């Protein structure tokens, strides 16, 4: 079977999109990192410079540098400097969640807010440092060593095999809440660290977290609960009165199901490359998650993926986020390839059909212009700002665009490195 993401026309289109997207992202540059972009592509100076955005943008610029795009290494270097100095809590350790736009004479930023440390954003520090190290960016190795040491000291809970959610500024008090989202991005970070360092520990930890998510998939009918208490008991009603929350929404998030599916398949690929035994759950769970998201997340009447559903599969927040569509397309690419590899041709063809129809919808409603994507639309396809305004960062689009251009690997930086070595990209 010829997969749609292997077609030369698609590859050519995605290459151009990625090139222009990275240029668009350059406008986010601030003295202390990378800022939140508004709809017109300028920085929102009313918002602080945030750790998760700065780290994700640094990751994207490192990938662009690996892909040979001129000038991107300088932006990646700026990101690594910012993460090393402006965001670093030099007194207590870890990284501030947000800082002011300016920096002092030492390059240090001024913390905005209460200085709380977040697992979600700290995962992206690892991702950025890993990608930058793979790209040969100065300072990335030390940043990665510091970030991984911080994981052992503060985040990893060995008795559970996953990470806690957040700490106060001084690293003295953990938040009682535990979250699926932060653990998902920690998997991505650990896979990147595994490739960047060659240390098997990080693959094993990524496998442990994904196995837990696969067990949740089996227990909850492929609808992943997002919220837990400090003992990891599921909290199904969490944020029921605040369903639009951008990081902790009530109910089930189809976009995360797709993201988990892709990450589980990346773990599967890494285990295969190591000659390990390949557990059945590394294909069964992602296929189930993908299928459930396609069935209940996709609006067959209006098109597009809803943000959330309840635990019966009924839509709750019907706005369509660009990141959800990007993760659905990415999961389709990785799952379709794997189903093809194992000889499940009919299932692979079904995934290909989903991919083609979702891409067509995205091109009509989310793609503003070459390299410019709308962040959120309502069920009619009109621009919405109910949950997100502007274009915060380019992380999800960039990764989705790179997938059909790069050889398979458990991290995007490793994929880009392999492509560069074989002279097969751009």
Protein backbone atom coordinates (compact mmCIF):
# COMPACT_ATOMS: atom_id res chain seq x y z
CA UNK A 1 0.00 0.00 0.00
CA UNK A 2 1.27 3.47 -0.88
CA UNK A 3 0.77 5.73 2.14
CA UNK A 4 -0.43 9.30 1.45
CA UNK A 5 2.35 10.78 3.61
CA UNK A 6 4.94 9.16 1.32
CA UNK A 7 3.76 11.02 -1.76
CA UNK A 8 6.36 13.46 -3.16
CA UNK A 9 3.76 16.23 -3.54
CA UNK A 10 2.90 16.08 0.16
CA UNK A 11 6.56 16.05 1.14
CA UNK A 12 7.28 19.07 -1.05
CA UNK A 13 4.32 20.97 0.40
CA UNK A 14 5.24 20.18 4.00
CA UNK A 15 8.87 21.18 3.38
CA UNK A 16 7.85 24.66 2.22
CA UNK A 17 5.39 25.01 5.11
CA UNK A 18 8.08 24.13 7.64
CA UNK A 19 10.57 26.59 6.16
CA UNK A 20 8.11 29.48 6.26
CA UNK A 21 6.76 28.47 9.69
CA UNK A 22 10.19 28.68 11.29
CA UNK A 23 10.73 32.12 9.78
CA UNK A 24 7.38 33.22 11.18
CA UNK A 25 8.42 31.91 14.60
CA UNK A 26 11.49 34.16 14.66
CA UNK A 27 9.24 37.11 15.53
CA UNK A 28 8.82 35.65 19.02
CA UNK A 29 12.38 36.67 20.02
CA UNK A 30 12.62 38.51 23.35
CA UNK A 31 15.68 39.34 25.54
CA UNK A 32 14.63 36.70 28.10
CA UNK A 33 13.46 33.99 25.70
CA UNK A 34 10.60 33.65 23.20
CA UNK A 35 7.28 35.39 23.69
CA UNK A 36 3.65 34.57 23.04
CA UNK A 37 2.69 35.49 19.46
CA UNK A 38 -0.57 37.24 18.69
CA UNK A 39 -2.69 36.61 15.63
CA UNK A 40 -0.80 39.14 13.53
CA UNK A 41 2.53 37.49 14.34
CA UNK A 42 3.80 40.10 16.80
CA UNK A 43 4.70 39.40 20.42
CA UNK A 44 2.08 39.95 23.11
CA UNK A 45 4.01 42.16 25.52
CA UNK A 46 1.18 42.15 28.05
CA UNK A 47 1.96 38.50 28.80
CA UNK A 48 5.20 37.46 30.49
CA UNK A 49 7.74 35.34 28.68
CA UNK A 50 6.77 31.78 29.57
CA UNK A 51 9.01 28.77 30.14
CA UNK A 52 6.92 26.28 28.16
CA UNK A 53 6.84 28.54 25.10
CA UNK A 54 10.53 29.44 25.27
CA UNK A 55 11.53 25.78 25.61
CA UNK A 56 9.22 24.61 22.82
CA UNK A 57 10.42 27.34 20.47
CA UNK A 58 14.03 26.45 21.30
CA UNK A 59 13.26 22.84 20.41
CA UNK A 60 11.77 23.89 17.06
CA UNK A 61 14.71 26.15 16.22
CA UNK A 62 17.11 23.31 17.09
CA UNK A 63 15.21 21.02 14.73
CA UNK A 64 15.33 23.68 12.02
CA UNK A 65 19.07 23.99 12.56
CA UNK A 66 19.47 20.22 12.23
CA UNK A 67 17.53 20.43 8.99
CA UNK A 68 20.01 22.95 7.63
CA UNK A 69 17.87 26.08 7.63
CA UNK A 70 20.11 29.14 7.67
CA UNK A 71 20.12 31.28 10.81
CA UNK A 72 18.19 28.85 13.00
CA UNK A 73 21.17 27.87 15.14
CA UNK A 74 21.42 31.44 16.42
CA UNK A 75 17.82 31.30 17.62
CA UNK A 76 18.42 27.92 19.25
CA UNK A 77 21.51 29.35 20.97
CA UNK A 78 19.44 32.26 22.29
CA UNK A 79 16.91 29.78 23.65
CA UNK A 80 19.56 27.74 25.44
CA UNK A 81 21.07 30.92 26.97
CA UNK A 82 17.64 32.01 28.14
CA UNK A 83 16.87 28.65 29.72
CA UNK A 84 20.29 28.59 31.36
CA UNK A 85 20.21 32.11 32.79
CA UNK A 86 16.96 34.07 32.47
CA UNK A 87 14.61 31.28 33.59
CA UNK A 88 16.91 29.48 36.01
CA UNK A 89 16.10 29.79 39.70
CA UNK A 90 19.71 30.22 40.80
CA UNK A 91 18.74 30.15 44.47
CA UNK A 92 16.37 27.19 44.75
CA UNK A 93 17.03 25.22 41.59
CA UNK A 94 14.66 24.41 38.75
CA UNK A 95 13.17 26.92 36.34
CA UNK A 96 10.67 29.73 36.77
CA UNK A 97 7.42 29.29 34.87
CA UNK A 98 7.46 32.90 33.64
CA UNK A 99 9.80 35.90 33.62
CA UNK A 100 9.65 39.50 32.46
CA UNK A 101 10.65 40.39 28.90
CA UNK A 102 13.89 42.07 29.96
CA UNK A 103 17.01 40.69 31.65
CA UNK A 104 19.61 42.14 34.02
CA UNK A 105 23.33 42.66 33.37
CA UNK A 106 23.98 38.97 34.17
CA UNK A 107 21.33 37.73 31.77
CA UNK A 108 19.00 36.78 34.64
CA UNK A 109 15.27 37.28 34.30
CA UNK A 110 12.85 38.55 36.91
CA UNK A 111 10.34 35.94 38.05
CA UNK A 112 6.67 36.72 37.36
CA UNK A 113 4.14 35.26 39.79
CA UNK A 114 4.84 33.04 42.77
CA UNK A 115 7.71 31.10 41.20
CA UNK A 116 5.90 27.75 41.22
CA UNK A 117 7.77 24.95 39.41
CA UNK A 118 5.73 22.90 36.89
CA UNK A 119 6.47 19.41 35.57
CA UNK A 120 4.87 20.29 32.22
CA UNK A 121 7.27 23.16 31.53
CA UNK A 122 10.27 21.35 33.02
CA UNK A 123 9.70 18.52 30.55
CA UNK A 124 10.08 21.00 27.72
CA UNK A 125 13.39 22.20 29.16
CA UNK A 126 14.66 18.62 28.74
CA UNK A 127 13.21 18.45 25.23
CA UNK A 128 14.82 21.74 24.21
CA UNK A 129 18.20 20.83 25.69
CA UNK A 130 18.14 17.37 24.11
CA UNK A 131 17.30 18.70 20.66
CA UNK A 132 19.86 21.49 20.99
CA UNK A 133 22.56 19.03 22.09
CA UNK A 134 21.81 16.86 19.06
CA UNK A 135 22.12 19.99 16.92
CA UNK A 136 25.48 20.90 18.50
CA UNK A 137 24.24 24.07 20.19
CA UNK A 138 26.64 25.56 22.74
CA UNK A 139 25.54 25.16 26.37
CA UNK A 140 22.98 22.48 25.64
CA UNK A 141 24.90 19.63 27.27
CA UNK A 142 25.20 21.36 30.64
CA UNK A 143 21.58 22.47 30.53
CA UNK A 144 20.47 18.91 29.82
CA UNK A 145 22.62 17.50 32.62
CA UNK A 146 21.10 20.01 35.05
CA UNK A 147 17.55 19.32 33.88
CA UNK A 148 17.94 15.54 34.15
CA UNK A 149 19.49 15.82 37.61
CA UNK A 150 16.51 17.96 38.61
CA UNK A 151 14.18 15.19 37.40
CA UNK A 152 15.81 12.70 39.76
CA UNK A 153 15.81 15.11 42.68
CA UNK A 154 12.32 16.56 42.44
CA UNK A 155 10.03 15.03 39.83
CA UNK A 156 10.36 11.29 39.35
CA UNK A 157 8.27 9.24 41.81
CA UNK A 158 9.86 5.77 41.67
CA UNK A 159 7.11 4.17 43.74
CA UNK A 160 4.64 5.11 40.99
CA UNK A 161 6.86 5.17 37.92
CA UNK A 162 5.78 8.65 36.83
CA UNK A 163 6.27 12.32 37.74
CA UNK A 164 4.49 14.63 40.17
CA UNK A 165 2.83 17.81 38.96
CA UNK A 166 4.29 20.90 40.61
CA UNK A 167 6.22 22.36 43.54
CA UNK A 168 6.33 25.70 45.27
CA UNK A 169 9.21 28.05 44.51
CA UNK A 170 11.51 26.64 47.19
CA UNK A 171 10.88 22.97 46.30
CA UNK A 172 9.43 22.36 49.76
CA UNK A 173 5.76 21.57 49.05
CA UNK A 174 4.30 19.39 46.27
CA UNK A 175 0.90 20.09 44.78
CA UNK A 176 -1.61 17.36 45.65
CA UNK A 177 -2.85 17.19 42.05
CA UNK A 178 -1.30 14.73 39.57
CA UNK A 179 -1.82 15.05 35.82
CA UNK A 180 -1.75 12.95 32.66
CA UNK A 181 -0.66 15.87 30.47
CA UNK A 182 2.60 16.58 32.27
CA UNK A 183 3.48 12.88 32.24
CA UNK A 184 2.78 12.68 28.52
CA UNK A 185 5.24 15.46 27.76
CA UNK A 186 7.71 13.91 30.18
CA UNK A 187 7.61 10.78 28.01
CA UNK A 188 8.47 12.92 24.99
CA UNK A 189 11.28 14.58 26.94
CA UNK A 190 12.71 11.29 28.19
CA UNK A 191 12.73 9.81 24.70
CA UNK A 192 14.63 12.85 23.46
CA UNK A 193 17.07 12.58 26.38
CA UNK A 194 17.56 8.88 25.65
CA UNK A 195 18.72 9.63 22.12
CA UNK A 196 20.75 12.69 23.10
CA UNK A 197 22.62 10.97 25.94
CA UNK A 198 22.53 7.30 24.97
CA UNK A 199 21.44 6.47 28.53
CA UNK A 200 18.94 3.59 28.61
CA UNK A 201 17.43 4.87 31.87
CA UNK A 202 15.38 7.48 30.04
CA UNK A 203 13.88 4.98 27.59
CA UNK A 204 12.98 2.70 30.48
CA UNK A 205 11.25 5.54 32.31
CA UNK A 206 9.38 6.56 29.15
CA UNK A 207 8.29 2.94 28.74
CA UNK A 208 7.06 2.81 32.35
CA UNK A 209 4.91 5.92 31.95
CA UNK A 210 3.46 4.78 28.62
CA UNK A 211 2.67 1.35 30.07
CA UNK A 212 0.68 3.07 32.80
CA UNK A 213 -1.20 5.08 30.17
CA UNK A 214 -1.84 1.88 28.18
CA UNK A 215 -3.32 0.29 31.32
CA UNK A 216 -5.59 3.32 31.74
CA UNK A 217 -6.60 2.92 28.10
CA UNK A 218 -7.67 -0.68 28.77
CA UNK A 219 -9.48 0.19 32.00
CA UNK A 220 -11.39 3.20 30.64
CA UNK A 221 -12.45 2.02 27.20
CA UNK A 222 -9.71 4.01 25.41
CA UNK A 223 -10.93 7.26 27.02
CA UNK A 224 -8.00 8.48 29.08
CA UNK A 225 -8.77 10.24 32.38
CA UNK A 226 -6.61 13.33 32.77
CA UNK A 227 -6.76 14.17 36.48
CA UNK A 228 -5.65 12.37 39.65
CA UNK A 229 -5.08 13.01 43.34
CA UNK A 230 -1.74 12.64 45.13
CA UNK A 231 -2.19 8.86 45.36
CA UNK A 232 -3.05 8.65 41.63
CA UNK A 233 -6.77 7.98 42.12
CA UNK A 234 -8.76 9.19 39.10
CA UNK A 235 -10.75 12.43 39.59
CA UNK A 236 -13.45 12.28 36.91
CA UNK A 237 -15.22 15.51 37.94
CA UNK A 238 -12.09 17.65 38.15
CA UNK A 239 -12.70 21.12 36.61
CA UNK A 240 -16.25 20.24 35.67
CA UNK A 241 -17.13 23.88 36.36
CA UNK A 242 -14.19 25.07 34.24
CA UNK A 243 -14.27 22.84 31.15
CA UNK A 244 -12.34 25.26 28.90
CA UNK A 245 -9.18 25.26 31.00
CA UNK A 246 -6.24 25.32 28.54
CA UNK A 247 -4.11 22.88 30.55
CA UNK A 248 -6.50 20.97 32.84
CA UNK A 249 -9.86 20.72 31.04
CA UNK A 250 -12.68 18.59 32.37
CA UNK A 251 -13.28 15.19 30.82
CA UNK A 252 -11.48 13.43 27.98
CA UNK A 253 -9.13 15.14 25.50
CA UNK A 254 -9.07 13.41 22.06
CA UNK A 255 -5.94 15.33 21.10
CA UNK A 256 -4.07 13.80 24.01
CA UNK A 257 -5.27 10.33 23.01
CA UNK A 258 -3.63 10.86 19.63
CA UNK A 259 -0.49 12.26 21.23
CA UNK A 260 -0.24 9.29 23.58
CA UNK A 261 -0.75 6.94 20.63
CA UNK A 262 2.20 8.49 18.79
CA UNK A 263 4.45 8.40 21.85
CA UNK A 264 3.61 4.75 22.57
CA UNK A 265 4.58 3.93 19.00
CA UNK A 266 7.83 5.86 19.40
CA UNK A 267 8.60 3.74 22.47
CA UNK A 268 7.77 0.65 20.41
CA UNK A 269 10.20 1.75 17.71
CA UNK A 270 12.98 2.42 20.21
CA UNK A 271 12.52 -1.01 21.78
CA UNK A 272 12.64 -2.62 18.35
CA UNK A 273 15.87 -0.81 17.48
CA UNK A 274 17.39 -2.10 20.72
CA UNK A 275 16.44 -5.67 19.90
CA UNK A 276 14.08 -5.85 22.89
CA UNK A 277 10.94 -7.92 23.04
CA UNK A 278 8.09 -5.81 21.67
CA UNK A 279 5.03 -5.89 23.99
CA UNK A 280 1.63 -6.21 22.31
CA UNK A 281 0.30 -3.19 24.18
CA UNK A 282 2.68 -0.88 22.26
CA UNK A 283 0.45 -1.33 19.19
CA UNK A 284 -2.89 -2.36 20.69
CA UNK A 285 -3.20 0.65 23.00
CA UNK A 286 -2.25 3.32 20.44
CA UNK A 287 -4.60 1.78 17.87
CA UNK A 288 -7.43 1.79 20.42
CA UNK A 289 -6.73 5.37 21.51
CA UNK A 290 -6.56 6.57 17.92
CA UNK A 291 -9.77 4.78 16.94
CA UNK A 292 -11.71 6.14 19.91
CA UNK A 293 -10.49 9.67 19.24
CA UNK A 294 -11.46 9.36 15.57
CA UNK A 295 -14.90 8.06 16.52
CA UNK A 296 -15.80 10.49 19.30
CA UNK A 297 -13.49 13.44 18.84
CA UNK A 298 -14.12 14.09 15.17
CA UNK A 299 -17.33 16.01 14.41
CA UNK A 300 -18.76 14.13 11.42
CA UNK A 301 -21.33 16.88 10.79
CA UNK A 302 -19.19 20.02 10.86
CA UNK A 303 -15.70 18.55 10.64
CA UNK A 304 -12.82 19.12 13.03
CA UNK A 305 -11.88 17.62 16.38
CA UNK A 306 -13.65 18.90 19.48
CA UNK A 307 -11.43 19.91 22.40
CA UNK A 308 -13.04 17.60 24.97
CA UNK A 309 -15.73 14.98 25.52
CA UNK A 310 -17.25 13.46 28.63
CA UNK A 311 -16.69 9.85 29.66
CA UNK A 312 -19.62 8.74 27.51
CA UNK A 313 -17.98 10.22 24.43
CA UNK A 314 -20.30 13.24 24.16
CA UNK A 315 -18.75 16.60 23.21
CA UNK A 316 -18.17 19.08 26.04
CA UNK A 317 -16.00 21.88 24.60
CA UNK A 318 -16.63 22.02 20.86
CA UNK A 319 -13.96 24.54 19.86
CA UNK A 320 -11.38 23.03 17.53
CA UNK A 321 -7.73 23.56 18.53
CA UNK A 322 -5.08 23.43 15.84
CA UNK A 323 -2.84 21.33 18.10
CA UNK A 324 -5.48 18.59 18.34
CA UNK A 325 -5.69 18.32 14.56
CA UNK A 326 -1.89 18.32 14.27
CA UNK A 327 -1.56 15.51 16.80
CA UNK A 328 -4.29 13.51 15.05
CA UNK A 329 -2.44 13.84 11.74
CA UNK A 330 0.87 12.94 13.40
CA UNK A 331 -0.63 9.89 15.07
CA UNK A 332 -2.15 8.81 11.76
CA UNK A 333 1.24 8.99 10.07
CA UNK A 334 3.05 6.96 12.73
CA UNK A 335 0.24 4.45 13.27
CA UNK A 336 -0.39 3.99 9.55
CA UNK A 337 3.28 3.22 8.95
CA UNK A 338 3.42 0.73 11.82
CA UNK A 339 0.24 -1.08 10.78
CA UNK A 340 1.70 -1.35 7.30
CA UNK A 341 4.96 -2.77 8.70
CA UNK A 342 3.17 -5.52 10.65
CA UNK A 343 0.97 -6.43 7.67
CA UNK A 344 -2.36 -5.09 8.90
CA UNK A 345 -3.17 -3.61 5.53
CA UNK A 346 -6.88 -3.00 6.02
CA UNK A 347 -6.34 -1.13 9.28
CA UNK A 348 -3.56 0.90 7.64
CA UNK A 349 -5.85 1.88 4.78
CA UNK A 350 -8.51 3.06 7.23
CA UNK A 351 -5.94 5.25 8.98
CA UNK A 352 -4.84 6.63 5.59
CA UNK A 353 -8.42 7.60 4.81
CA UNK A 354 -8.70 9.46 8.12
CA UNK A 355 -5.44 11.25 7.41
CA UNK A 356 -6.55 12.45 3.98
CA UNK A 357 -9.92 13.80 5.17
CA UNK A 358 -8.45 15.48 8.27
CA UNK A 359 -5.69 17.12 6.26
CA UNK A 360 -8.24 18.50 3.79
CA UNK A 361 -10.27 20.00 6.65
CA UNK A 362 -7.15 21.52 8.19
CA UNK A 363 -6.17 23.10 4.90
CA UNK A 364 -9.60 24.74 4.64
CA UNK A 365 -10.10 25.97 8.20
CA UNK A 366 -6.78 26.10 10.07
CA UNK A 367 -4.19 27.02 7.46
CA UNK A 368 -4.27 30.80 7.19
CA UNK A 369 -1.43 31.01 4.68
CA UNK A 370 1.84 29.21 4.00
CA UNK A 371 3.46 28.72 7.39
CA UNK A 372 0.61 30.41 9.31
CA UNK A 373 -2.03 28.45 11.19
CA UNK A 374 -5.13 29.52 13.11
CA UNK A 375 -4.89 28.36 16.70
CA UNK A 376 -8.59 27.81 17.43
CA UNK A 377 -11.91 27.83 15.51
CA UNK A 378 -15.52 27.14 16.49
CA UNK A 379 -17.73 24.43 15.01
CA UNK A 380 -18.51 26.68 12.02
CA UNK A 381 -14.84 27.12 11.24
CA UNK A 382 -14.71 30.75 12.40
CA UNK A 383 -11.74 31.98 14.43
CA UNK A 384 -12.38 31.61 18.16
CA UNK A 385 -10.57 32.82 21.28
CA UNK A 386 -12.62 30.97 23.88
CA UNK A 387 -9.63 29.02 25.19
CA UNK A 388 -6.64 30.43 23.32
CA UNK A 389 -6.03 33.68 21.51
CA UNK A 390 -3.28 34.43 19.03
CA UNK A 391 -0.63 31.91 17.95
CA UNK A 392 1.29 31.06 21.15
CA UNK A 393 3.96 28.90 19.52
CA UNK A 394 4.62 26.66 16.51
CA UNK A 395 5.58 23.39 18.24
CA UNK A 396 2.66 21.15 17.21
CA UNK A 397 2.54 22.34 13.59
CA UNK A 398 6.31 22.10 13.19
CA UNK A 399 6.46 18.51 14.38
CA UNK A 400 3.49 17.49 12.26
CA UNK A 401 5.12 19.01 9.18
CA UNK A 402 8.44 17.26 9.84
CA UNK A 403 7.04 13.75 10.31
CA UNK A 404 6.63 12.83 6.61
CA UNK A 405 10.03 14.35 5.80
CA UNK A 406 12.15 12.42 8.30
CA UNK A 407 13.13 8.78 8.88
CA UNK A 408 11.48 7.07 11.88
CA UNK A 409 12.99 7.56 15.34
CA UNK A 410 11.75 7.94 18.91
CA UNK A 411 12.53 11.68 18.95
CA UNK A 412 12.32 14.40 16.32
CA UNK A 413 15.91 15.51 16.86
CA UNK A 414 17.18 11.99 16.29
CA UNK A 415 15.04 11.76 13.15
CA UNK A 416 16.49 15.03 11.87
CA UNK A 417 20.03 13.89 12.72
CA UNK A 418 19.56 10.69 10.73
CA UNK A 419 18.14 12.64 7.81
CA UNK A 420 21.09 15.02 7.88
CA UNK A 421 23.57 12.15 7.95
CA UNK A 422 21.94 10.59 4.92
CA UNK A 423 21.58 13.98 3.16
CA UNK A 424 17.88 13.24 2.66
CA UNK A 425 16.19 16.42 3.91
CA UNK A 426 15.57 19.83 2.28
